[in-house]
Amino acid sequence: MAPRPTWQGHLKLSLVTCPVALYTAIDSGGDVHFNLINPKTNNRIKMITTDPDTGPIERSELVKGYEVSKGNYILLSDDEIKSVKLESTKTIDIERFVPAEEIDRIYWDNPYYLAPDGKLAQEAFGVIRTALEQSGQIALGRVVLSTRERVMALEPRGKGILAYSLRSRDDVRKAEDVFGGISDAKPDASMIAIARKIIEQQEGPFDPDAFVDRYEEALKALIADKQKGHKTVAAAEPEDTNVIDLMAALRASLEGKGEKPAKAPAASKPEKGAKAAPTKAKSRKRAAG
């Protein structure tokens, strides 16, 4: 069955316009979903919308409210919300082209597929897609999705266009708020060297088939076992990963990969009259270099 579009409208590059459809690139159909069940009756629980004063109420009678102060709301009907129309409500107007590396990865949000909507759109869509491909850049436009105007980053993908919604600056927290308490002290150069060796041993191509949701797979296995009438067994607790001796843990990790690290040479006392050894900070800097 063909997927249903999330949005339908037009793609516009200057005076060139064509009908397009936007499809979510994420398929969550295989995810494990649970319903709330009353174990005494095996009935599925229904969530009923209720007014604390008058009791249950039909959803069709409800409107949206924006809280302007504690307990005070501005009420908006669906028709009033739909009356707020921008050009981006029905048109993705390409405004700018930028190199992909200029967009910080923290701003990339949800992926979509953008395709021509109908046979008459094929030619104009192909012109825009091919010009975008030859530019080697990312096209930026805007579109209204779920009552929010979002910036979309467009790039060629196969015969179509991959469109990523981008988060706004207000959506992203400042890294300093979280990283501010991290120490400025430089790690030990010999420990870094061992860690880099471990990284080299684990290098390889990215294979999305190798990264499955193991927790979801375990849930599916649990459900299958219960269907067969098997008694469930509690999973073992993960081992404590608290590291006491970091150097010992690094060396053990490297040895576990089949290679023994060379021992660091013992420090010797300088001969009489010799220049003093460089400070610890300078030694680390040289070792890192």
C-alpha atoms as a PDB file:
ATOM      1  CA  MET A   1       0.000   0.000   0.000  1.00  0.00           C
ATOM      2  CA  ALA A   2       1.382   3.418  -0.995  1.00  0.00           C
ATOM      3  CA  PRO A   3       2.237   5.689   1.955  1.00  0.00           C
ATOM      4  CA  ARG A   4      -0.011   8.633   2.681  1.00  0.00           C
ATOM      5  CA  PRO A   5       1.608  12.076   2.338  1.00  0.00           C
ATOM      6  CA  THR A   6       2.184  14.141   5.460  1.00  0.00           C
ATOM      7  CA  TRP A   7       1.813  17.374   3.475  1.00  0.00           C
ATOM      8  CA  GLN A   8       0.872  18.368  -0.060  1.00  0.00           C
ATOM      9  CA  GLY A   9       1.644  21.659  -1.742  1.00  0.00           C
ATOM     10  CA  HIS A  10       4.189  23.190  -4.129  1.00  0.00           C
ATOM     11  CA  LEU A  11       7.970  23.382  -4.401  1.00  0.00           C
ATOM     12  CA  LYS A  12       9.156  26.735  -5.707  1.00  0.00           C
ATOM     13  CA  LEU A  13      12.549  27.850  -7.030  1.00  0.00           C
ATOM     14  CA  SER A  14      12.251  31.472  -8.144  1.00  0.00           C
ATOM     15  CA  LEU A  15       9.617  31.323 -10.929  1.00  0.00           C
ATOM     16  CA  VAL A  16       9.690  27.514 -11.309  1.00  0.00           C
ATOM     17  CA  THR A  17       6.924  25.779  -9.349  1.00  0.00           C
ATOM     18  CA  CYS A  18       5.621  22.219  -9.225  1.00  0.00           C
ATOM     19  CA  PRO A  19       3.150  20.245  -7.089  1.00  0.00           C
ATOM     20  CA  VAL A  20       4.892  18.022  -4.515  1.00  0.00           C
ATOM     21  CA  ALA A  21       4.031  15.674  -1.667  1.00  0.00           C
ATOM     22  CA  LEU A  22       5.986  15.238   1.562  1.00  0.00           C
ATOM     23  CA  TYR A  23       6.209  11.767   3.131  1.00  0.00           C
ATOM     24  CA  THR A  24       7.729  10.881   6.484  1.00  0.00           C
ATOM     25  CA  ALA A  25      10.871   8.778   5.972  1.00  0.00           C
ATOM     26  CA  ILE A  26      10.421   7.007   9.317  1.00  0.00           C
ATOM     27  CA  ASP A  27       8.355   3.818   9.615  1.00  0.00           C
ATOM     28  CA  SER A  28       7.370   2.949  13.174  1.00  0.00           C
ATOM     29  CA  GLY A  29       4.907   0.235  12.140  1.00  0.00           C
ATOM     30  CA  GLY A  30       7.117  -2.542  13.528  1.00  0.00           C
ATOM     31  CA  ASP A  31       7.506  -0.965  16.974  1.00  0.00           C
ATOM     32  CA  VAL A  32       6.087  -2.687  20.040  1.00  0.00           C
ATOM     33  CA  HIS A  33       3.039  -0.756  21.272  1.00  0.00           C
ATOM     34  CA  PHE A  34       1.163  -1.469  24.494  1.00  0.00           C
ATOM     35  CA  ASN A  35      -2.436  -0.808  25.540  1.00  0.00           C
ATOM     36  CA  LEU A  36      -3.596  -0.412  29.121  1.00  0.00           C
ATOM     37  CA  ILE A  37      -5.593  -3.483  30.213  1.00  0.00           C
ATOM     38  CA  ASN A  38      -7.589  -4.162  33.370  1.00  0.00           C
ATOM     39  CA  PRO A  39      -6.173  -7.562  34.483  1.00  0.00           C
ATOM     40  CA  LYS A  40      -9.401  -8.369  36.366  1.00  0.00           C
ATOM     41  CA  THR A  41     -11.572  -8.176  33.240  1.00  0.00           C
ATOM     42  CA  ASN A  42      -8.996  -8.213  30.387  1.00  0.00           C
ATOM     43  CA  ASN A  43     -10.771  -5.152  29.005  1.00  0.00           C
ATOM     44  CA  ARG A  44      -8.838  -2.420  27.256  1.00  0.00           C
ATOM     45  CA  ILE A  45      -9.016   0.854  29.176  1.00  0.00           C
ATOM     46  CA  LYS A  46     -10.571   3.822  27.372  1.00  0.00           C
ATOM     47  CA  MET A  47      -9.351   7.333  28.035  1.00  0.00           C
ATOM     48  CA  ILE A  48     -12.384   9.551  28.500  1.00  0.00           C
ATOM     49  CA  THR A  49     -12.136  13.341  28.216  1.00  0.00           C
ATOM     50  CA  THR A  50     -13.640  14.765  31.384  1.00  0.00           C
ATOM     51  CA  ASP A  51     -14.491  18.223  32.666  1.00  0.00           C
ATOM     52  CA  PRO A  52     -13.758  18.338  36.419  1.00  0.00           C
ATOM     53  CA  ASP A  53     -17.084  20.152  37.003  1.00  0.00           C
ATOM     54  CA  THR A  54     -19.522  18.644  34.492  1.00  0.00           C
ATOM     55  CA  GLY A  55     -18.033  15.216  33.813  1.00  0.00           C
ATOM     56  CA  PRO A  56     -17.375  13.429  30.470  1.00  0.00           C
ATOM     57  CA  ILE A  57     -17.463  15.531  27.293  1.00  0.00           C
ATOM     58  CA  GLU A  58     -17.165  14.711  23.586  1.00  0.00           C
ATOM     59  CA  ARG A  59     -13.862  15.686  21.941  1.00  0.00           C
ATOM     60  CA  SER A  60     -15.785  17.271  19.065  1.00  0.00           C
ATOM     61  CA  GLU A  61     -17.085  19.904  21.501  1.00  0.00           C
ATOM     62  CA  LEU A  62     -13.609  20.966  22.632  1.00  0.00           C
ATOM     63  CA  VAL A  63     -11.501  23.910  21.450  1.00  0.00           C
ATOM     64  CA  LYS A  64      -7.831  24.752  21.999  1.00  0.00           C
ATOM     65  CA  GLY A  65      -6.779  27.192  24.681  1.00  0.00           C
ATOM     66  CA  TYR A  66      -3.611  29.239  25.134  1.00  0.00           C
ATOM     67  CA  GLU A  67      -2.842  30.033  28.780  1.00  0.00           C
ATOM     68  CA  VAL A  68      -2.037  33.758  29.151  1.00  0.00           C
ATOM     69  CA  SER A  69      -1.937  33.630  32.957  1.00  0.00           C
ATOM     70  CA  LYS A  70      -2.635  31.025  35.630  1.00  0.00           C
ATOM     71  CA  GLY A  71      -6.073  29.578  34.823  1.00  0.00           C
ATOM     72  CA  ASN A  72      -6.867  32.184  32.127  1.00  0.00           C
ATOM     73  CA  TYR A  73      -7.007  31.026  28.493  1.00  0.00           C
ATOM     74  CA  ILE A  74      -7.522  32.526  25.059  1.00  0.00           C
ATOM     75  CA  LEU A  75      -9.817  30.094  23.248  1.00  0.00           C
ATOM     76  CA  LEU A  76      -9.211  29.238  19.580  1.00  0.00           C
ATOM     77  CA  SER A  77     -11.348  27.063  17.333  1.00  0.00           C
ATOM     78  CA  ASP A  78      -9.884  24.889  14.577  1.00  0.00           C
ATOM     79  CA  ASP A  79     -11.266  27.285  11.960  1.00  0.00           C
ATOM     80  CA  GLU A  80      -9.574  30.252  13.638  1.00  0.00           C
ATOM     81  CA  ILE A  81      -6.243  28.404  13.728  1.00  0.00           C
ATOM     82  CA  LYS A  82      -6.613  27.429  10.061  1.00  0.00           C
ATOM     83  CA  SER A  83      -7.309  31.075   9.178  1.00  0.00           C
ATOM     84  CA  VAL A  84      -3.656  31.883   9.982  1.00  0.00           C
ATOM     85  CA  LYS A  85      -2.179  31.320   6.542  1.00  0.00           C
ATOM     86  CA  LEU A  86       1.386  31.908   5.398  1.00  0.00           C
ATOM     87  CA  GLU A  87       2.789  31.249   1.943  1.00  0.00           C
ATOM     88  CA  SER A  88       4.703  28.350   3.512  1.00  0.00           C
ATOM     89  CA  THR A  89       1.396  26.729   4.483  1.00  0.00           C
ATOM     90  CA  LYS A  90       1.129  25.390   0.936  1.00  0.00           C
ATOM     91  CA  THR A  91       4.492  26.259  -0.678  1.00  0.00           C
ATOM     92  CA  ILE A  92       8.109  25.312   0.064  1.00  0.00           C
ATOM     93  CA  ASP A  93       9.846  28.366  -1.379  1.00  0.00           C
ATOM     94  CA  ILE A  94      13.600  27.761  -1.679  1.00  0.00           C
ATOM     95  CA  GLU A  95      15.269  30.827  -0.182  1.00  0.00           C
ATOM     96  CA  ARG A  96      18.943  29.957   0.101  1.00  0.00           C
ATOM     97  CA  PHE A  97      21.653  27.441  -0.756  1.00  0.00           C
ATOM     98  CA  VAL A  98      24.327  26.573   1.818  1.00  0.00           C
ATOM     99  CA  PRO A  99      27.144  23.976   2.130  1.00  0.00           C
ATOM    100  CA  ALA A 100      26.001  20.977   4.196  1.00  0.00           C
ATOM    101  CA  GLU A 101      28.936  21.323   6.608  1.00  0.00           C
ATOM    102  CA  GLU A 102      27.718  24.782   7.641  1.00  0.00           C
ATOM    103  CA  ILE A 103      24.600  23.318   9.282  1.00  0.00           C
ATOM    104  CA  ASP A 104      25.436  22.108  12.792  1.00  0.00           C
ATOM    105  CA  ARG A 105      24.205  18.519  13.215  1.00  0.00           C
ATOM    106  CA  ILE A 106      22.333  19.487  16.376  1.00  0.00           C
ATOM    107  CA  TYR A 107      19.815  21.359  14.225  1.00  0.00           C
ATOM    108  CA  TRP A 108      18.900  18.360  12.000  1.00  0.00           C
ATOM    109  CA  ASP A 109      15.542  16.957  13.102  1.00  0.00           C
ATOM    110  CA  ASN A 110      13.110  14.636  11.249  1.00  0.00           C
ATOM    111  CA  PRO A 111      13.660  13.194   7.728  1.00  0.00           C
ATOM    112  CA  TYR A 112      11.059  13.261   4.948  1.00  0.00           C
ATOM    113  CA  TYR A 113      10.902  12.261   1.305  1.00  0.00           C
ATOM    114  CA  LEU A 114       9.817  14.939  -1.152  1.00  0.00           C
ATOM    115  CA  ALA A 115       8.404  13.696  -4.477  1.00  0.00           C
ATOM    116  CA  PRO A 116       6.492  15.184  -7.424  1.00  0.00           C
ATOM    117  CA  ASP A 117       2.724  15.041  -6.954  1.00  0.00           C
ATOM    118  CA  GLY A 118       1.296  13.862 -10.280  1.00  0.00           C
ATOM    119  CA  LYS A 119       2.679  13.309 -13.781  1.00  0.00           C
ATOM    120  CA  LEU A 120       2.527  16.982 -14.773  1.00  0.00           C
ATOM    121  CA  ALA A 121       4.960  17.841 -11.943  1.00  0.00           C
ATOM    122  CA  GLN A 122       7.671  15.418 -13.115  1.00  0.00           C
ATOM    123  CA  GLU A 123       9.549  17.745 -15.489  1.00  0.00           C
ATOM    124  CA  ALA A 124       9.736  20.813 -13.247  1.00  0.00           C
ATOM    125  CA  PHE A 125      10.617  18.642 -10.238  1.00  0.00           C
ATOM    126  CA  GLY A 126      13.413  16.984 -12.239  1.00  0.00           C
ATOM    127  CA  VAL A 127      14.843  20.367 -13.211  1.00  0.00           C
ATOM    128  CA  ILE A 128      14.926  21.575  -9.573  1.00  0.00           C
ATOM    129  CA  ARG A 129      16.313  18.269  -8.255  1.00  0.00           C
ATOM    130  CA  THR A 130      19.068  18.054 -10.891  1.00  0.00           C
ATOM    131  CA  ALA A 131      20.095  21.705 -10.447  1.00  0.00           C
ATOM    132  CA  LEU A 132      20.270  21.103  -6.695  1.00  0.00           C
ATOM    133  CA  GLU A 133      22.397  17.993  -7.228  1.00  0.00           C
ATOM    134  CA  GLN A 134      24.825  19.827  -9.504  1.00  0.00           C
ATOM    135  CA  SER A 135      25.158  22.707  -7.036  1.00  0.00           C
ATOM    136  CA  GLY A 136      26.468  20.317  -4.366  1.00  0.00           C
ATOM    137  CA  GLN A 137      24.695  22.360  -1.713  1.00  0.00           C
ATOM    138  CA  ILE A 138      21.706  22.165   0.624  1.00  0.00           C
ATOM    139  CA  ALA A 139      18.565  24.118  -0.296  1.00  0.00           C
ATOM    140  CA  LEU A 140      16.685  25.825   2.537  1.00  0.00           C
ATOM    141  CA  GLY A 141      12.958  26.561   2.446  1.00  0.00           C
ATOM    142  CA  ARG A 142      10.059  26.855   4.885  1.00  0.00           C
ATOM    143  CA  VAL A 143       6.873  24.853   5.373  1.00  0.00           C
ATOM    144  CA  VAL A 144       4.079  24.821   7.950  1.00  0.00           C
ATOM    145  CA  LEU A 145       3.800  21.397   9.643  1.00  0.00           C
ATOM    146  CA  SER A 146       1.650  20.702  12.712  1.00  0.00           C
ATOM    147  CA  THR A 147       0.885  24.394  13.354  1.00  0.00           C
ATOM    148  CA  ARG A 148       4.566  25.332  13.235  1.00  0.00           C
ATOM    149  CA  GLU A 149       6.596  26.872  10.423  1.00  0.00           C
ATOM    150  CA  ARG A 150       9.738  24.820  10.012  1.00  0.00           C
ATOM    151  CA  VAL A 151      12.872  25.347   7.972  1.00  0.00           C
ATOM    152  CA  MET A 152      13.448  22.422   5.621  1.00  0.00           C
ATOM    153  CA  ALA A 153      16.868  21.337   4.345  1.00  0.00           C
ATOM    154  CA  LEU A 154      16.600  19.731   0.902  1.00  0.00           C
ATOM    155  CA  GLU A 155      19.157  17.486  -0.808  1.00  0.00           C
ATOM    156  CA  PRO A 156      18.967  14.995  -3.718  1.00  0.00           C
ATOM    157  CA  ARG A 157      18.319  11.355  -2.763  1.00  0.00           C
ATOM    158  CA  GLY A 158      17.927   8.846  -5.583  1.00  0.00           C
ATOM    159  CA  LYS A 159      15.343  10.148  -8.033  1.00  0.00           C
ATOM    160  CA  GLY A 160      13.748  12.376  -5.393  1.00  0.00           C
ATOM    161  CA  ILE A 161      14.676  14.797  -2.629  1.00  0.00           C
ATOM    162  CA  LEU A 162      15.444  14.094   1.028  1.00  0.00           C
ATOM    163  CA  ALA A 163      13.985  16.846   3.207  1.00  0.00           C
ATOM    164  CA  TYR A 164      15.050  17.342   6.820  1.00  0.00           C
ATOM    165  CA  SER A 165      13.159  19.639   9.151  1.00  0.00           C
ATOM    166  CA  LEU A 166      15.599  21.820  11.083  1.00  0.00           C
ATOM    167  CA  ARG A 167      15.222  22.825  14.705  1.00  0.00           C
ATOM    168  CA  SER A 168      15.160  26.541  15.466  1.00  0.00           C
ATOM    169  CA  ARG A 169      17.743  28.185  17.684  1.00  0.00           C
ATOM    170  CA  ASP A 170      15.151  28.444  20.489  1.00  0.00           C
ATOM    171  CA  ASP A 171      14.679  24.649  20.374  1.00  0.00           C
ATOM    172  CA  VAL A 172      18.351  23.952  21.114  1.00  0.00           C
ATOM    173  CA  ARG A 173      19.824  24.275  24.597  1.00  0.00           C
ATOM    174  CA  LYS A 174      23.184  25.943  25.044  1.00  0.00           C
ATOM    175  CA  ALA A 175      25.921  23.319  25.377  1.00  0.00           C
ATOM    176  CA  GLU A 176      27.626  25.449  28.039  1.00  0.00           C
ATOM    177  CA  ASP A 177      24.651  24.864  30.362  1.00  0.00           C
ATOM    178  CA  VAL A 178      25.561  21.145  30.452  1.00  0.00           C
ATOM    179  CA  PHE A 179      29.292  21.124  29.659  1.00  0.00           C
ATOM    180  CA  GLY A 180      30.219  24.079  31.872  1.00  0.00           C
ATOM    181  CA  GLY A 181      31.157  21.872  34.829  1.00  0.00           C
ATOM    182  CA  ILE A 182      33.535  19.619  32.849  1.00  0.00           C
ATOM    183  CA  SER A 183      37.156  19.955  33.958  1.00  0.00           C
ATOM    184  CA  ASP A 184      39.656  21.789  31.731  1.00  0.00           C
ATOM    185  CA  ALA A 185      42.467  19.437  32.820  1.00  0.00           C
ATOM    186  CA  LYS A 186      44.128  17.591  29.921  1.00  0.00           C
ATOM    187  CA  PRO A 187      43.909  13.775  30.055  1.00  0.00           C
ATOM    188  CA  ASP A 188      47.074  11.695  30.401  1.00  0.00           C
ATOM    189  CA  ALA A 189      48.755  11.351  26.971  1.00  0.00           C
ATOM    190  CA  SER A 190      49.612   7.663  27.465  1.00  0.00           C
ATOM    191  CA  MET A 191      45.991   6.867  28.296  1.00  0.00           C
ATOM    192  CA  ILE A 192      44.845   8.718  25.184  1.00  0.00           C
ATOM    193  CA  ALA A 193      47.313   6.699  23.078  1.00  0.00           C
ATOM    194  CA  ILE A 194      45.833   3.418  24.351  1.00  0.00           C
ATOM    195  CA  ALA A 195      42.261   4.679  23.846  1.00  0.00           C
ATOM    196  CA  ARG A 196      43.118   5.655  20.247  1.00  0.00           C
ATOM    197  CA  LYS A 197      44.531   2.174  19.654  1.00  0.00           C
ATOM    198  CA  ILE A 198      41.258   0.665  20.877  1.00  0.00           C
ATOM    199  CA  ILE A 199      39.345   2.979  18.512  1.00  0.00           C
ATOM    200  CA  GLU A 200      41.536   1.891  15.567  1.00  0.00           C
ATOM    201  CA  GLN A 201      40.788  -1.763  16.332  1.00  0.00           C
ATOM    202  CA  GLN A 202      37.036  -1.103  16.251  1.00  0.00           C
ATOM    203  CA  GLU A 203      36.959   0.974  13.066  1.00  0.00           C
ATOM    204  CA  GLY A 204      34.686  -0.177  10.250  1.00  0.00           C
ATOM    205  CA  PRO A 205      31.956   0.877   7.829  1.00  0.00           C
ATOM    206  CA  PHE A 206      28.523   1.912   9.052  1.00  0.00           C
ATOM    207  CA  ASP A 207      26.013  -0.899   8.532  1.00  0.00           C
ATOM    208  CA  PRO A 208      22.464   0.071   9.618  1.00  0.00           C
ATOM    209  CA  ASP A 209      21.457  -3.624   9.556  1.00  0.00           C
ATOM    210  CA  ALA A 210      23.917  -4.273  12.402  1.00  0.00           C
ATOM    211  CA  PHE A 211      22.199  -1.781  14.714  1.00  0.00           C
ATOM    212  CA  VAL A 212      18.859  -3.230  15.749  1.00  0.00           C
ATOM    213  CA  ASP A 213      16.823  -2.256  18.794  1.00  0.00           C
ATOM    214  CA  ARG A 214      17.869  -5.124  21.074  1.00  0.00           C
ATOM    215  CA  TYR A 215      15.460  -4.022  23.811  1.00  0.00           C
ATOM    216  CA  GLU A 216      12.528  -4.171  21.405  1.00  0.00           C
ATOM    217  CA  GLU A 217      13.712  -7.561  20.118  1.00  0.00           C
ATOM    218  CA  ALA A 218      13.810  -8.820  23.717  1.00  0.00           C
ATOM    219  CA  LEU A 219      10.265  -7.508  24.281  1.00  0.00           C
ATOM    220  CA  LYS A 220       9.041  -9.345  21.167  1.00  0.00           C
ATOM    221  CA  ALA A 221      10.730 -12.543  22.396  1.00  0.00           C
ATOM    222  CA  LEU A 222       9.065 -12.113  25.803  1.00  0.00           C
ATOM    223  CA  ILE A 223       5.660 -11.674  24.159  1.00  0.00           C
ATOM    224  CA  ALA A 224       6.238 -14.738  21.957  1.00  0.00           C
ATOM    225  CA  ASP A 225       7.197 -16.833  25.010  1.00  0.00           C
ATOM    226  CA  LYS A 226       4.060 -15.760  26.867  1.00  0.00           C
ATOM    227  CA  GLN A 227       1.960 -16.653  23.836  1.00  0.00           C
ATOM    228  CA  LYS A 228       3.421 -20.181  24.035  1.00  0.00           C
ATOM    229  CA  GLY A 229       2.630 -20.338  27.744  1.00  0.00           C
ATOM    230  CA  HIS A 230       6.259 -20.244  28.872  1.00  0.00           C
ATOM    231  CA  LYS A 231       7.155 -18.798  32.259  1.00  0.00           C
ATOM    232  CA  THR A 232       9.117 -15.570  32.008  1.00  0.00           C
ATOM    233  CA  VAL A 233      12.655 -15.380  33.384  1.00  0.00           C
ATOM    234  CA  ALA A 234      14.056 -12.188  34.848  1.00  0.00           C
ATOM    235  CA  ALA A 235      16.988 -10.727  32.902  1.00  0.00           C
ATOM    236  CA  ALA A 236      20.368 -10.649  34.619  1.00  0.00           C
ATOM    237  CA  GLU A 237      21.469  -7.310  36.040  1.00  0.00           C
ATOM    238  CA  PRO A 238      24.247  -5.622  34.028  1.00  0.00           C
ATOM    239  CA  GLU A 239      27.713  -5.757  35.545  1.00  0.00           C
ATOM    240  CA  ASP A 240      28.928  -2.768  37.526  1.00  0.00           C
ATOM    241  CA  THR A 241      30.991  -0.621  35.172  1.00  0.00           C
ATOM    242  CA  ASN A 242      32.515   1.637  37.810  1.00  0.00           C
ATOM    243  CA  VAL A 243      36.195   2.081  36.848  1.00  0.00           C
ATOM    244  CA  ILE A 244      38.632   2.378  39.740  1.00  0.00           C
ATOM    245  CA  ASP A 245      41.948   2.200  37.863  1.00  0.00           C
ATOM    246  CA  LEU A 246      41.475   3.866  34.467  1.00  0.00           C
ATOM    247  CA  MET A 247      44.907   2.884  33.099  1.00  0.00           C
ATOM    248  CA  ALA A 248      44.372  -0.751  34.107  1.00  0.00           C
ATOM    249  CA  ALA A 249      40.937  -0.756  32.436  1.00  0.00           C
ATOM    250  CA  LEU A 250      42.383   0.700  29.225  1.00  0.00           C
ATOM    251  CA  ARG A 251      45.214  -1.847  29.132  1.00  0.00           C
ATOM    252  CA  ALA A 252      42.799  -4.704  29.813  1.00  0.00           C
ATOM    253  CA  SER A 253      40.534  -3.453  26.993  1.00  0.00           C
ATOM    254  CA  LEU A 254      43.463  -3.400  24.566  1.00  0.00           C
ATOM    255  CA  GLU A 255      44.713  -6.842  25.661  1.00  0.00           C
ATOM    256  CA  GLY A 256      41.179  -8.148  25.220  1.00  0.00           C
ATOM    257  CA  LYS A 257      41.511  -7.301  21.520  1.00  0.00           C
ATOM    258  CA  GLY A 258      44.579  -9.532  21.198  1.00  0.00           C
ATOM    259  CA  GLU A 259      47.340  -6.945  21.476  1.00  0.00           C
ATOM    260  CA  LYS A 260      49.472  -6.056  24.470  1.00  0.00           C
ATOM    261  CA  PRO A 261      50.401  -2.401  24.903  1.00  0.00           C
ATOM    262  CA  ALA A 262      54.018  -1.440  25.364  1.00  0.00           C
ATOM    263  CA  LYS A 263      54.846  -0.430  28.894  1.00  0.00           C
ATOM    264  CA  ALA A 264      55.699   3.197  29.435  1.00  0.00           C
ATOM    265  CA  PRO A 265      59.434   3.635  30.146  1.00  0.00           C
ATOM    266  CA  ALA A 266      60.350   4.266  33.790  1.00  0.00           C
ATOM    267  CA  ALA A 267      61.397   7.798  34.591  1.00  0.00           C
ATOM    268  CA  SER A 268      65.135   8.151  35.341  1.00  0.00           C
ATOM    269  CA  LYS A 269      66.829  10.743  37.509  1.00  0.00           C
ATOM    270  CA  PRO A 270      68.635  13.487  35.569  1.00  0.00           C
ATOM    271  CA  GLU A 271      72.420  13.462  35.706  1.00  0.00           C
ATOM    272  CA  LYS A 272      74.150  16.065  37.787  1.00  0.00           C
ATOM    273  CA  GLY A 273      74.381  19.318  35.923  1.00  0.00           C
ATOM    274  CA  ALA A 274      71.768  18.307  33.389  1.00  0.00           C
ATOM    275  CA  LYS A 275      68.819  20.584  32.591  1.00  0.00           C
ATOM    276  CA  ALA A 276      65.644  20.051  34.573  1.00  0.00           C
ATOM    277  CA  ALA A 277      62.985  17.886  32.981  1.00  0.00           C
ATOM    278  CA  PRO A 278      60.039  19.694  31.383  1.00  0.00           C
ATOM    279  CA  THR A 279      56.963  20.194  33.512  1.00  0.00           C
ATOM    280  CA  LYS A 280      54.171  17.614  33.505  1.00  0.00           C
ATOM    281  CA  ALA A 281      51.949  19.771  31.324  1.00  0.00           C
ATOM    282  CA  LYS A 282      54.712  20.272  28.739  1.00  0.00           C
ATOM    283  CA  SER A 283      55.531  16.563  28.718  1.00  0.00           C
ATOM    284  CA  ARG A 284      51.913  15.727  27.958  1.00  0.00           C
ATOM    285  CA  LYS A 285      51.810  18.305  25.211  1.00  0.00           C
ATOM    286  CA  ARG A 286      54.917  16.807  23.548  1.00  0.00           C
ATOM    287  CA  ALA A 287      53.589  13.251  23.948  1.00  0.00           C
ATOM    288  CA  ALA A 288      50.274  14.251  22.403  1.00  0.00           C
ATOM    289  CA  GLY A 289      52.142  15.870  19.481  1.00  0.00           C
END
